[in-house]
């Protein structure tokens, strides 16, 4: 997970292994629908929390 090098004076340096870089692919229509559904559920959840907060206070 780490690459360790040692200098001449004995100091150790740890370097993280860098992951391979790749381009992201655009989400498919099914994934887009899933994201829209998650957004709608999250919006309803937050709106419900706000309503409960207003009702309690």
Protein backbone atom coordinates (compact mmCIF):
# COMPACT_ATOMS: atom_id res chain seq x y z
CA UNK A 1 0.00 0.00 0.00
CA UNK A 2 2.97 2.28 0.55
CA UNK A 3 6.30 2.65 -1.19
CA UNK A 4 9.08 3.23 1.34
CA UNK A 5 12.42 4.77 0.46
CA UNK A 6 15.38 5.28 2.77
CA UNK A 7 17.72 8.26 2.49
CA UNK A 8 21.46 7.99 3.08
CA UNK A 9 21.07 9.36 6.64
CA UNK A 10 18.52 6.67 7.57
CA UNK A 11 15.32 8.74 7.23
CA UNK A 12 12.39 6.74 5.86
CA UNK A 13 9.90 8.28 3.43
CA UNK A 14 6.51 6.63 2.82
CA UNK A 15 4.67 7.36 -0.41
CA UNK A 16 1.14 6.21 -1.11
CA UNK A 17 0.57 4.16 -4.24
CA UNK A 18 -1.42 6.33 -6.65
CA UNK A 19 -4.49 4.72 -8.23
CA UNK A 20 -4.87 4.48 -11.98
CA UNK A 21 -6.65 7.50 -13.48
CA UNK A 22 -9.67 6.91 -15.71
CA UNK A 23 -12.46 8.97 -17.24
CA UNK A 24 -15.92 8.66 -15.75
CA UNK A 25 -18.72 7.46 -18.00
CA UNK A 26 -22.00 9.35 -18.32
CA UNK A 27 -24.80 7.67 -16.32
CA UNK A 28 -27.27 5.54 -18.25
CA UNK A 29 -30.96 6.53 -18.41
CA UNK A 30 -31.75 3.92 -15.74
CA UNK A 31 -29.13 5.41 -13.42
CA UNK A 32 -30.46 8.90 -14.08
CA UNK A 33 -33.97 7.76 -13.09
CA UNK A 34 -32.53 6.23 -9.93
CA UNK A 35 -30.75 9.48 -9.06
CA UNK A 36 -33.98 11.44 -9.64
CA UNK A 37 -35.87 9.03 -7.36
CA UNK A 38 -33.21 9.39 -4.64
CA UNK A 39 -33.43 13.18 -4.93
CA UNK A 40 -37.22 13.10 -4.61
CA UNK A 41 -37.08 10.84 -1.54
CA UNK A 42 -34.39 13.01 0.08
CA UNK A 43 -36.44 16.15 -0.61
CA UNK A 44 -39.53 14.61 0.98
CA UNK A 45 -37.49 13.44 3.96
CA UNK A 46 -35.99 16.88 4.59
CA UNK A 47 -39.38 18.55 4.10
CA UNK A 48 -40.89 16.11 6.62
CA UNK A 49 -38.14 16.88 9.13
CA UNK A 50 -38.78 20.60 8.71
CA UNK A 51 -42.50 20.11 9.27
CA UNK A 52 -41.89 18.03 12.41
CA UNK A 53 -39.47 20.68 13.68
CA UNK A 54 -42.04 23.42 13.13
CA UNK A 55 -44.78 21.36 14.78
CA UNK A 56 -42.68 20.63 17.87
CA UNK A 57 -41.42 24.16 18.40
